[in-house]
Protein backbone atom coordinates (compact mmCIF):
# COMPACT_ATOMS: atom_id res chain seq x y z
CA LYS A 1 65.21 -26.41 -4.87
CA SER A 2 62.64 -24.20 -6.58
CA ASN A 3 61.45 -20.64 -6.04
CA PHE A 4 58.11 -19.05 -6.92
CA THR A 5 57.31 -15.35 -6.69
CA LEU A 6 53.65 -14.39 -6.38
CA PHE A 7 52.35 -10.84 -6.11
CA SER A 8 49.19 -8.78 -6.14
CA PRO A 9 48.33 -6.74 -9.24
CA SER A 10 48.28 -3.61 -7.06
CA GLY A 11 51.77 -4.30 -5.69
CA ASP A 12 50.56 -4.35 -2.07
CA TRP A 13 52.27 -7.66 -1.37
CA ALA A 14 54.72 -10.19 -2.73
CA ASN A 15 55.18 -13.77 -1.58
CA TYR A 16 58.36 -15.73 -2.22
CA VAL A 17 57.91 -19.47 -1.79
CA TYR A 18 60.97 -21.71 -1.69
CA HIS A 19 60.70 -25.49 -2.01
CA TYR A 20 63.40 -27.90 -0.84
CA PHE A 21 62.98 -31.40 -2.25
CA ARG A 22 64.58 -34.69 -1.31
CA GLU A 23 66.34 -36.77 -3.96
CA ASP A 24 63.21 -38.93 -4.27
CA GLY A 25 61.20 -35.83 -5.31
CA THR A 26 59.25 -35.39 -2.07
CA LEU A 27 59.04 -32.04 -0.34
CA ALA A 28 61.18 -31.77 2.79
CA GLN A 29 60.67 -28.06 3.52
CA ALA A 30 58.79 -25.08 2.15
CA GLU A 31 59.58 -21.52 3.17
CA SER A 32 57.24 -18.62 2.54
CA GLU A 33 58.35 -15.01 2.81
CA MET A 34 55.37 -12.67 2.46
CA ARG A 35 56.17 -8.95 2.23
CA THR A 36 53.16 -6.70 2.64
CA PHE A 37 52.43 -3.01 3.05
CA ASN A 38 49.37 -4.06 5.08
CA GLY A 39 50.95 -3.70 8.51
CA ASP A 40 54.41 -3.11 6.95
CA LEU A 41 55.39 -6.70 7.70
CA ILE A 42 57.50 -9.56 6.50
CA ILE A 43 55.86 -12.86 7.46
CA ILE A 44 58.24 -15.80 7.30
CA GLN A 45 56.80 -19.30 7.56
CA ASP A 46 58.66 -22.59 7.46
CA PHE A 47 56.88 -25.89 6.85
CA TYR A 48 58.57 -29.27 7.39
CA PHE A 49 57.20 -32.49 5.89
CA ASP A 50 57.80 -36.21 6.16
CA ARG A 51 58.26 -38.32 3.01
CA LYS A 52 54.50 -38.99 2.82
CA GLY A 53 53.70 -35.26 2.71
CA LYS A 54 52.48 -34.97 6.29
CA LEU A 55 53.21 -31.63 7.92
CA LEU A 56 55.57 -32.24 10.83
CA LYS A 57 56.23 -28.71 12.00
CA LYS A 58 55.37 -25.11 11.12
CA THR A 59 57.06 -21.95 12.35
CA ILE A 60 56.07 -18.34 11.79
CA LYS A 61 58.09 -15.15 12.36
CA TYR A 62 57.16 -11.53 11.84
CA ARG A 63 59.62 -8.80 10.89
CA ASP A 64 59.32 -5.09 10.25
CA LEU A 65 59.22 -4.40 6.51
CA GLN A 66 61.56 -1.40 6.76
CA THR A 67 64.11 -2.51 9.39
CA ASN A 68 63.85 -6.32 9.09
CA LYS A 69 63.84 -6.47 12.90
CA PRO A 70 61.61 -9.01 14.67
CA ILE A 71 58.24 -7.59 15.75
CA THR A 72 54.95 -8.73 17.21
CA PRO A 73 52.03 -7.97 14.88
CA THR A 74 49.07 -6.12 16.31
CA LYS A 75 46.02 -8.06 17.44
CA GLU A 76 44.00 -6.12 14.85
CA PHE A 77 46.34 -7.20 12.06
CA LEU A 78 46.08 -10.85 13.06
CA GLU A 79 42.28 -10.69 13.38
CA ASN A 80 41.85 -8.99 9.99
CA ASN A 81 44.30 -11.12 8.02
CA GLY A 82 43.42 -14.63 9.06
CA ASN A 83 45.69 -17.61 8.78
CA PHE A 84 48.58 -16.96 6.42
CA SER A 85 49.61 -20.61 6.27
CA SER A 86 46.36 -21.44 4.47
CA ASP A 87 47.34 -18.89 1.81
CA VAL A 88 50.72 -20.48 1.08
CA GLU A 89 50.73 -22.66 -2.02
CA TYR A 90 53.41 -25.33 -2.19
CA TYR A 91 54.03 -28.51 -4.14
CA LYS A 92 54.56 -31.73 -2.20
CA LYS A 93 56.32 -33.55 -5.05
CA THR A 94 58.51 -32.44 -7.94
CA SER A 95 56.01 -34.22 -10.22
CA GLU A 96 53.38 -31.63 -9.17
CA LEU A 97 55.47 -28.62 -10.21
CA PRO A 98 54.00 -26.67 -13.16
CA PHE A 99 57.19 -27.35 -15.12
CA ALA A 100 57.52 -31.03 -14.07
CA ASP A 101 57.68 -32.21 -17.70
CA LEU A 102 60.89 -30.24 -18.16
CA LEU A 103 62.51 -32.17 -15.31
CA LYS A 104 62.03 -35.59 -16.87
CA LYS A 105 65.14 -37.26 -18.21
CA LYS A 106 65.18 -37.65 -21.95
CA LYS A 107 65.82 -41.15 -23.33
């Protein structure tokens, strides 16, 4: 498992991306939790992959930033903010992680 935290310089949003890898180093699941003041939302996306890296399933949920209760985003928000899943960066193999060299076993 790995966790990355990305954020805007202005502090308008933060995105927490969790990776769940199989023992063979391939990505099984990635979860993105975007918290943004734009619409006061939490956008939770789950991505599920097969061993070859093919996306099998994607889910998306919206929650209120203050109450954490499920909500439906406004049509305007969705039109102005595009496709969040294209903004999520994830690594399909442990060998692609920025710190992959640190994971290698020493001889």
